[in-house]
């Protein structure tokens, strides 16, 4: 059996970075840039005020103080979005709003809190120097500045900078399309009445959510019955996608049909990983498209998405941060694992006095989906380690924020 890392490496080797497409800025969040982005012009494009106040000549107020204010004649007002109607001459000021253009002749702004206006004049109670509260043209970006590089993740802040630089669209790696196929005669949709021997197809919903969380698009392939002809027909949809993710049909049962179908086509890269939960995992291809065959047990399937599917989909989108960071923690309870496997327990981590502690979510059976729903981390027991006592150090993979517990 392959190790978890070895299996992941084999999958990532077959996951190709997808082609780029032009996207409106409103659709670029979370995508990876496929081009360098440069500023078309200066940002801001003109000198403007950093606050509400009065545009003045600094030399007119260089000795102003609360006890001896400088009195200036107010010529008018300039608002954001409108050009100044006149210039500032010696002994005068113009009322100005945040973001408004600095009038000719002015070289500083006095904040409104340091002034008082009456009868067409304003008393300036604070001295200011040249350039005070003036945002010069190009102080954020100069024409030609590279503001983002190919391979960079588009964040909300970066979207704003790109917009300010004069771009309404950017080229980004497109989102991968994933065919999600669940298998089994016993599966029924959520809310559907269950007859004896039938179960709700939870994987159809939880795996779709987990895949979409990576930024990928899901094409629902429906439920393949335990019939080779039906499975083959549904896998024809693979011709229109970038990755196939199936659940069930990869173990050794008489009606586990996914792996035998791939084997018949000489399209299996590997089968079985030294992992719990999720050992019977298959990787191959169908119609030239990579296929990751996850186990049918719901926890095993979700762990498989985290360890194998998620990294592959992130790579396809041009991401380089393929794995979540691991965090050191202290286990509250003893952990036992078969030494030949790498085990992932579901845990609840919290931070106490600067240290992360973790406890299990209860029953760790691969069918107990509630244990995954309550978890905010996976607790790792590496291969070769059979027992970890309570109070010992472990590594965890946070799946959600870790709360601080008051002491």
Protein backbone atom coordinates (compact mmCIF):
# COMPACT_ATOMS: atom_id res chain seq x y z
CA UNK A 1 0.00 0.00 0.00
CA UNK A 2 1.09 3.54 -0.69
CA UNK A 3 1.59 6.01 2.12
CA UNK A 4 -0.75 9.01 2.29
CA UNK A 5 2.03 11.31 1.05
CA UNK A 6 3.00 8.88 -1.69
CA UNK A 7 -0.58 8.53 -2.91
CA UNK A 8 -1.08 12.30 -2.86
CA UNK A 9 2.12 12.81 -4.86
CA UNK A 10 0.92 10.34 -7.51
CA UNK A 11 -2.39 12.20 -7.79
CA UNK A 12 -0.77 15.64 -7.92
CA UNK A 13 1.58 14.48 -10.66
CA UNK A 14 -1.47 13.90 -12.89
CA UNK A 15 -3.29 17.11 -11.89
CA UNK A 16 -2.49 19.78 -14.50
CA UNK A 17 -2.85 23.51 -14.06
CA UNK A 18 -5.80 24.57 -16.18
CA UNK A 19 -5.87 27.24 -18.86
CA UNK A 20 -6.61 30.90 -18.19
CA UNK A 21 -9.64 32.98 -19.11
CA UNK A 22 -10.56 36.65 -18.81
CA UNK A 23 -12.79 37.41 -15.82
CA UNK A 24 -14.61 40.53 -14.72
CA UNK A 25 -13.20 41.74 -11.39
CA UNK A 26 -16.46 40.81 -9.70
CA UNK A 27 -15.85 37.15 -10.57
CA UNK A 28 -12.10 37.05 -9.81
CA UNK A 29 -12.17 36.64 -6.01
CA UNK A 30 -10.30 33.51 -4.95
CA UNK A 31 -8.93 32.86 -8.43
CA UNK A 32 -5.21 32.77 -9.31
CA UNK A 33 -3.85 35.41 -11.69
CA UNK A 34 -2.43 34.21 -15.00
CA UNK A 35 -0.80 37.54 -15.85
CA UNK A 36 1.12 40.39 -14.27
CA UNK A 37 -1.06 43.45 -13.69
CA UNK A 38 0.35 46.97 -14.10
CA UNK A 39 -1.09 50.37 -13.21
CA UNK A 40 -2.29 52.25 -16.28
CA UNK A 41 -1.98 55.66 -14.61
CA UNK A 42 -1.20 57.33 -11.30
CA UNK A 43 -3.29 56.47 -8.24
CA UNK A 44 -4.64 58.77 -6.98
CA UNK A 45 -4.85 60.56 -10.33
CA UNK A 46 -4.74 64.03 -8.74
CA UNK A 47 -3.63 65.56 -5.41
CA UNK A 48 -6.52 65.35 -2.95
CA UNK A 49 -7.36 65.97 0.68
CA UNK A 50 -6.93 63.26 3.29
CA UNK A 51 -9.60 64.81 5.54
CA UNK A 52 -12.34 67.39 5.88
CA UNK A 53 -10.92 70.82 6.61
CA UNK A 54 -9.49 73.86 4.83
CA UNK A 55 -7.02 74.01 1.95
CA UNK A 56 -4.44 76.67 2.80
CA UNK A 57 -0.94 77.91 2.09
CA UNK A 58 1.27 76.51 4.84
CA UNK A 59 3.17 79.80 5.06
CA UNK A 60 -0.08 81.58 6.08
CA UNK A 61 -0.55 79.39 9.17
CA UNK A 62 3.02 78.58 10.22
CA UNK A 63 2.61 80.49 13.52
CA UNK A 64 -1.04 79.64 14.22
CA UNK A 65 -1.93 78.43 17.73
CA UNK A 66 -5.02 78.15 19.92
CA UNK A 67 -4.13 81.42 21.67
CA UNK A 68 -3.14 83.23 18.49
CA UNK A 69 -5.06 81.80 15.51
CA UNK A 70 -4.41 82.77 11.91
CA UNK A 71 -7.51 84.36 10.34
CA UNK A 72 -8.07 83.67 6.63
CA UNK A 73 -10.81 84.70 4.21
CA UNK A 74 -12.90 81.75 3.00
CA UNK A 75 -13.24 81.77 -0.79
CA UNK A 76 -15.67 78.89 -1.09
CA UNK A 77 -15.84 75.12 -1.00
CA UNK A 78 -14.63 72.15 -3.01
CA UNK A 79 -16.40 68.80 -2.79
CA UNK A 80 -15.23 65.34 -3.78
CA UNK A 81 -16.02 64.69 -7.41
CA UNK A 82 -15.96 68.36 -8.49
CA UNK A 83 -13.06 70.51 -9.71
CA UNK A 84 -12.08 73.56 -7.62
CA UNK A 85 -13.69 76.74 -8.91
CA UNK A 86 -10.81 78.98 -7.83
CA UNK A 87 -7.27 79.05 -6.48
CA UNK A 88 -5.99 79.75 -2.98
CA UNK A 89 -4.27 83.13 -2.75
CA UNK A 90 -2.21 84.47 0.17
CA UNK A 91 -4.45 85.13 3.18
CA UNK A 92 -7.27 82.91 1.93
CA UNK A 93 -8.56 79.36 2.40
CA UNK A 94 -11.03 77.05 0.69
CA UNK A 95 -13.26 74.68 2.62
CA UNK A 96 -12.47 71.13 1.38
CA UNK A 97 -13.92 67.64 1.82
CA UNK A 98 -12.08 64.33 2.08
CA UNK A 99 -11.04 63.13 -1.38
CA UNK A 100 -11.61 66.50 -3.06
CA UNK A 101 -9.00 67.95 -5.41
CA UNK A 102 -6.44 70.29 -3.80
CA UNK A 103 -6.96 73.75 -5.34
CA UNK A 104 -4.10 75.50 -7.09
CA UNK A 105 -2.11 77.62 -4.68
CA UNK A 106 -2.84 75.40 -1.66
CA UNK A 107 -0.09 73.15 -0.27
CA UNK A 108 -1.62 71.89 2.98
CA UNK A 109 -4.93 71.03 4.64
CA UNK A 110 -5.92 72.00 8.18
CA UNK A 111 -8.38 69.56 9.72
CA UNK A 112 -11.78 71.04 10.55
CA UNK A 113 -11.33 70.21 14.25
CA UNK A 114 -8.56 72.87 14.43
CA UNK A 115 -10.68 75.63 12.94
CA UNK A 116 -13.74 77.80 13.52
CA UNK A 117 -15.55 79.64 10.73
CA UNK A 118 -17.77 82.70 10.99
CA UNK A 119 -18.76 85.66 8.79
CA UNK A 120 -16.73 84.53 5.78
CA UNK A 121 -13.48 83.97 7.66
CA UNK A 122 -11.91 80.99 9.36
CA UNK A 123 -9.64 80.98 12.40
CA UNK A 124 -6.85 78.41 12.09
CA UNK A 125 -5.75 77.27 15.56
CA UNK A 126 -2.94 74.87 14.53
CA UNK A 127 0.14 75.30 12.40
CA UNK A 128 0.67 72.81 9.55
CA UNK A 129 3.64 72.15 7.33
CA UNK A 130 3.94 71.69 3.59
CA UNK A 131 1.98 68.65 2.38
CA UNK A 132 0.04 68.08 5.61
CA UNK A 133 -3.04 65.92 4.85
CA UNK A 134 -2.39 66.15 1.11
CA UNK A 135 -2.36 62.91 -0.87
CA UNK A 136 -0.08 63.56 -3.82
CA UNK A 137 -0.91 62.19 -7.28
CA UNK A 138 0.69 58.76 -7.68
CA UNK A 139 1.35 58.34 -3.95
CA UNK A 140 -0.29 54.88 -4.10
CA UNK A 141 0.66 53.79 -7.63
CA UNK A 142 2.78 55.25 -10.39
CA UNK A 143 2.08 54.45 -14.05
CA UNK A 144 3.64 51.10 -14.95
CA UNK A 145 3.92 49.86 -11.37
CA UNK A 146 3.44 46.07 -11.19
CA UNK A 147 0.68 45.64 -8.63
CA UNK A 148 0.17 41.88 -8.92
CA UNK A 149 2.08 38.93 -10.33
CA UNK A 150 0.96 35.84 -12.20
CA UNK A 151 0.35 33.09 -9.67
CA UNK A 152 -0.97 35.49 -7.03
CA UNK A 153 -4.28 34.75 -5.31
CA UNK A 154 -6.93 37.41 -5.89
CA UNK A 155 -8.06 38.82 -2.52
CA UNK A 156 -10.62 41.56 -1.76
CA UNK A 157 -7.84 44.10 -1.23
CA UNK A 158 -6.14 43.15 -4.50
CA UNK A 159 -9.43 43.51 -6.38
CA UNK A 160 -9.62 47.11 -5.13
CA UNK A 161 -6.05 47.86 -6.21
CA UNK A 162 -6.62 46.35 -9.66
CA UNK A 163 -9.77 48.42 -10.06
CA UNK A 164 -7.90 51.56 -8.97
CA UNK A 165 -5.21 50.75 -11.52
CA UNK A 166 -7.77 51.04 -14.30
CA UNK A 167 -8.53 47.39 -14.99
CA UNK A 168 -12.05 46.00 -15.11
CA UNK A 169 -11.01 42.44 -15.91
CA UNK A 170 -8.04 40.12 -15.42
CA UNK A 171 -6.87 36.78 -16.77
CA UNK A 172 -7.16 34.02 -14.17
CA UNK A 173 -6.86 30.25 -14.09
CA UNK A 174 -10.33 28.88 -14.67
CA UNK A 175 -12.24 26.84 -12.13
CA UNK A 176 -12.06 23.05 -12.59
CA UNK A 177 -15.23 21.12 -13.34
CA UNK A 178 -15.66 17.95 -11.28
CA UNK A 179 -17.99 15.07 -12.10
CA UNK A 180 -19.31 13.76 -8.78
CA UNK A 181 -20.70 10.25 -9.03
CA UNK A 182 -22.14 8.24 -6.16
CA UNK A 183 -22.77 4.52 -6.50
CA UNK A 184 -25.07 1.97 -4.89
CA UNK A 185 -28.56 0.52 -5.23
CA UNK A 186 -29.30 1.39 -1.60
CA UNK A 187 -28.93 5.18 -1.97
CA UNK A 188 -31.85 7.59 -1.86
CA UNK A 189 -31.97 11.39 -1.96
CA UNK A 190 -32.36 13.51 1.17
CA UNK A 191 -35.98 13.70 2.23
CA UNK A 192 -36.98 10.64 0.23
CA UNK A 193 -38.81 7.89 2.13
CA UNK A 194 -36.56 4.94 2.92
CA UNK A 195 -37.61 1.36 2.35
CA UNK A 196 -35.92 -1.50 4.26
CA UNK A 197 -32.23 -1.72 3.36
CA UNK A 198 -32.08 1.82 1.90
CA UNK A 199 -30.04 4.78 3.22
CA UNK A 200 -29.82 8.49 2.49
CA UNK A 201 -27.14 9.45 0.01
CA UNK A 202 -25.27 11.83 2.33
CA UNK A 203 -22.14 11.76 0.16
CA UNK A 204 -24.01 13.42 -2.70
CA UNK A 205 -24.48 16.50 -0.52
CA UNK A 206 -21.45 16.62 1.77
CA UNK A 207 -18.91 15.91 -0.98
CA UNK A 208 -20.47 18.47 -3.29
CA UNK A 209 -20.11 21.08 -0.54
CA UNK A 210 -16.51 20.05 0.19
CA UNK A 211 -15.56 20.20 -3.50
CA UNK A 212 -17.27 23.56 -4.07
CA UNK A 213 -15.45 24.93 -1.03
CA UNK A 214 -12.19 24.52 -2.99
CA UNK A 215 -13.50 26.79 -5.74
CA UNK A 216 -14.34 24.00 -8.18
CA UNK A 217 -17.61 23.57 -10.06
CA UNK A 218 -19.54 20.33 -9.53
CA UNK A 219 -21.38 18.45 -12.24
CA UNK A 220 -23.70 16.01 -10.48
CA UNK A 221 -23.44 12.66 -12.22
CA UNK A 222 -26.30 11.20 -10.25
CA UNK A 223 -26.33 7.76 -8.65
CA UNK A 224 -24.89 4.81 -10.53
CA UNK A 225 -26.72 1.63 -9.64
CA UNK A 226 -24.83 -1.60 -8.96
CA UNK A 227 -24.87 -2.37 -12.65
CA UNK A 228 -21.81 -2.17 -14.89
CA UNK A 229 -23.79 -0.86 -17.85
CA UNK A 230 -25.29 2.01 -15.82
CA UNK A 231 -21.90 2.90 -14.35
CA UNK A 232 -20.26 2.88 -17.79
CA UNK A 233 -22.97 5.12 -19.23
CA UNK A 234 -22.67 7.67 -16.41
CA UNK A 235 -18.89 7.79 -16.73
CA UNK A 236 -19.32 9.00 -20.32
CA UNK A 237 -19.85 12.41 -18.71
CA UNK A 238 -16.15 12.39 -17.83
CA UNK A 239 -15.37 13.61 -21.36
CA UNK A 240 -16.65 17.08 -20.40
CA UNK A 241 -14.90 17.57 -17.04
CA UNK A 242 -11.43 17.97 -15.53
CA UNK A 243 -11.68 15.45 -12.68
CA UNK A 244 -14.00 12.59 -11.72
CA UNK A 245 -14.71 11.92 -8.05
CA UNK A 246 -16.68 8.79 -7.28
CA UNK A 247 -17.77 7.29 -3.97
CA UNK A 248 -18.26 3.60 -3.33
CA UNK A 249 -17.44 0.70 -5.60
CA UNK A 250 -13.70 0.63 -4.83
CA UNK A 251 -13.52 -2.11 -2.21
CA UNK A 252 -13.64 -5.89 -2.67
CA UNK A 253 -17.36 -6.61 -2.60
CA UNK A 254 -19.18 -8.43 -5.36
CA UNK A 255 -20.92 -5.22 -6.39
CA UNK A 256 -17.93 -2.88 -6.08
CA UNK A 257 -17.70 -2.06 -9.78
CA UNK A 258 -15.63 1.12 -10.12
CA UNK A 259 -12.21 -0.45 -9.58
CA UNK A 260 -12.87 -3.53 -11.79
CA UNK A 261 -14.08 -1.27 -14.58
CA UNK A 262 -10.87 0.77 -14.44
CA UNK A 263 -8.75 -2.40 -14.22
CA UNK A 264 -10.40 -3.79 -17.33
CA UNK A 265 -9.30 -0.64 -19.16
CA UNK A 266 -5.78 -0.85 -17.70
CA UNK A 267 -6.46 2.57 -16.18
CA UNK A 268 -5.67 2.04 -12.47
CA UNK A 269 -2.68 3.97 -11.13
CA UNK A 270 -3.01 2.61 -7.60
CA UNK A 271 -5.50 1.06 -5.20
CA UNK A 272 -5.39 1.13 -1.40
CA UNK A 273 -3.60 3.62 0.82
CA UNK A 274 -2.12 2.96 4.28
CA UNK A 275 -4.80 5.15 5.80
CA UNK A 276 -7.62 4.99 8.31
CA UNK A 277 -10.31 5.93 7.53
CA UNK A 278 -10.19 5.63 3.76
CA UNK A 279 -7.92 2.68 2.95
CA UNK A 280 -9.79 1.43 -0.17
CA UNK A 281 -9.04 4.46 -2.35
CA UNK A 282 -8.54 4.07 -6.09
CA UNK A 283 -6.84 6.42 -8.52
CA UNK A 284 -6.87 6.05 -12.26
CA UNK A 285 -8.37 7.63 -15.35
CA UNK A 286 -11.44 7.39 -17.52
CA UNK A 287 -11.48 8.79 -21.05
CA UNK A 288 -8.15 10.42 -20.26
CA UNK A 289 -9.55 12.29 -17.24
CA UNK A 290 -8.16 11.59 -13.73
CA UNK A 291 -10.54 9.69 -11.46
CA UNK A 292 -10.31 9.55 -7.67
CA UNK A 293 -12.45 6.73 -6.33
CA UNK A 294 -13.31 7.37 -2.69
CA UNK A 295 -14.78 4.84 -0.25
CA UNK A 296 -18.51 4.90 0.31
CA UNK A 297 -18.41 5.41 4.08
CA UNK A 298 -19.19 9.12 4.60
CA UNK A 299 -16.31 9.98 6.96
CA UNK A 300 -13.81 8.07 4.82
CA UNK A 301 -15.03 9.98 1.77
CA UNK A 302 -14.67 13.38 3.44
CA UNK A 303 -11.20 12.55 4.75
CA UNK A 304 -10.30 11.47 1.22
CA UNK A 305 -11.45 14.83 -0.13
CA UNK A 306 -9.29 16.64 2.41
CA UNK A 307 -6.16 14.58 1.82
CA UNK A 308 -6.33 13.95 -1.93
CA UNK A 309 -9.12 15.73 -3.82
CA UNK A 310 -8.66 19.19 -2.32
CA UNK A 311 -4.91 19.41 -3.08
CA UNK A 312 -5.50 18.26 -6.67
CA UNK A 313 -8.23 20.84 -7.26
CA UNK A 314 -6.14 23.64 -5.76
CA UNK A 315 -3.22 22.72 -8.04
CA UNK A 316 -5.53 22.76 -11.07
CA UNK A 317 -6.42 26.34 -10.16
CA UNK A 318 -2.77 27.38 -10.01
CA UNK A 319 -2.53 27.43 -6.23
CA UNK A 320 0.72 26.50 -4.49
CA UNK A 321 -0.65 26.30 -0.93
CA UNK A 322 -2.05 22.83 -1.51
CA UNK A 323 -2.08 21.55 2.08
CA UNK A 324 -3.48 23.13 5.20
CA UNK A 325 -0.84 24.02 7.82
CA UNK A 326 -0.39 21.51 10.65
CA UNK A 327 -0.51 22.68 14.27
CA UNK A 328 1.07 21.16 17.38
CA UNK A 329 -1.45 20.17 20.07
CA UNK A 330 -1.79 18.14 23.26
CA UNK A 331 -4.25 15.26 23.29
CA UNK A 332 -6.68 15.00 26.21
CA UNK A 333 -7.12 11.27 25.77
CA UNK A 334 -5.07 8.25 24.70
CA UNK A 335 -5.03 7.39 21.00
CA UNK A 336 -4.63 3.91 19.58
CA UNK A 337 -3.88 3.13 15.94
CA UNK A 338 -2.70 0.14 13.86
CA UNK A 339 1.04 0.84 13.41
CA UNK A 340 0.97 0.03 9.68
CA UNK A 341 -1.60 2.76 8.99
CA UNK A 342 -1.69 6.57 9.18
CA UNK A 343 -4.81 7.42 11.18
CA UNK A 344 -6.88 10.59 11.17
CA UNK A 345 -9.16 11.04 14.17
CA UNK A 346 -11.87 13.68 14.25
CA UNK A 347 -11.21 16.17 17.04
CA UNK A 348 -12.28 19.39 18.71
CA UNK A 349 -9.31 21.67 19.35
CA UNK A 350 -9.27 24.73 21.61
CA UNK A 351 -6.58 27.12 22.78
CA UNK A 352 -5.89 27.30 26.51
CA UNK A 353 -3.21 29.54 28.01
CA UNK A 354 -1.30 29.68 24.74
CA UNK A 355 -1.42 25.92 24.11
CA UNK A 356 -3.70 23.99 21.78
CA UNK A 357 -5.45 21.02 23.32
CA UNK A 358 -7.63 18.53 21.51
CA UNK A 359 -10.25 15.92 22.37
CA UNK A 360 -12.02 13.46 20.12
CA UNK A 361 -15.58 13.92 18.92
CA UNK A 362 -16.72 10.55 20.22
CA UNK A 363 -17.33 7.40 18.19
CA UNK A 364 -14.72 7.36 15.42
CA UNK A 365 -16.45 4.83 13.17
CA UNK A 366 -16.15 5.70 9.48
CA UNK A 367 -19.94 5.66 9.19
CA UNK A 368 -20.49 8.20 12.03
CA UNK A 369 -20.86 11.39 10.01
CA UNK A 370 -21.80 13.38 13.11
CA UNK A 371 -18.23 12.94 14.36
CA UNK A 372 -17.02 14.81 11.27
CA UNK A 373 -19.68 17.51 11.53
CA UNK A 374 -18.65 18.33 15.10
CA UNK A 375 -14.90 18.32 14.40
CA UNK A 376 -12.82 21.42 13.82
CA UNK A 377 -9.64 19.42 13.14
CA UNK A 378 -8.17 16.08 12.19
CA UNK A 379 -5.77 14.50 14.70
CA UNK A 380 -2.91 12.65 13.03
CA UNK A 381 -1.34 9.45 14.31
CA UNK A 382 1.58 8.74 11.96
CA UNK A 383 2.48 5.24 10.73
CA UNK A 384 4.68 3.25 13.05
CA UNK A 385 3.00 4.70 16.16
CA UNK A 386 0.56 2.35 17.87
CA UNK A 387 -0.23 4.25 21.07
CA UNK A 388 -0.17 7.90 22.12
CA UNK A 389 -0.87 8.54 25.81
CA UNK A 390 -3.09 11.34 27.12
CA UNK A 391 -1.10 14.52 27.61
CA UNK A 392 1.31 13.74 24.77
CA UNK A 393 1.96 15.96 21.78
CA UNK A 394 0.21 15.36 18.45
CA UNK A 395 -0.18 17.16 15.14
CA UNK A 396 -3.57 18.34 13.97
CA UNK A 397 -4.95 19.75 10.73
CA UNK A 398 -7.34 22.60 11.61
CA UNK A 399 -10.49 22.54 9.46
CA UNK A 400 -12.05 25.57 11.14
CA UNK A 401 -10.96 28.34 13.56
CA UNK A 402 -9.71 27.18 16.96
CA UNK A 403 -11.48 29.00 19.77
CA UNK A 404 -9.72 30.52 22.76
CA UNK A 405 -11.05 29.08 26.03
CA UNK A 406 -10.92 31.50 29.00
CA UNK A 407 -8.90 30.22 31.94
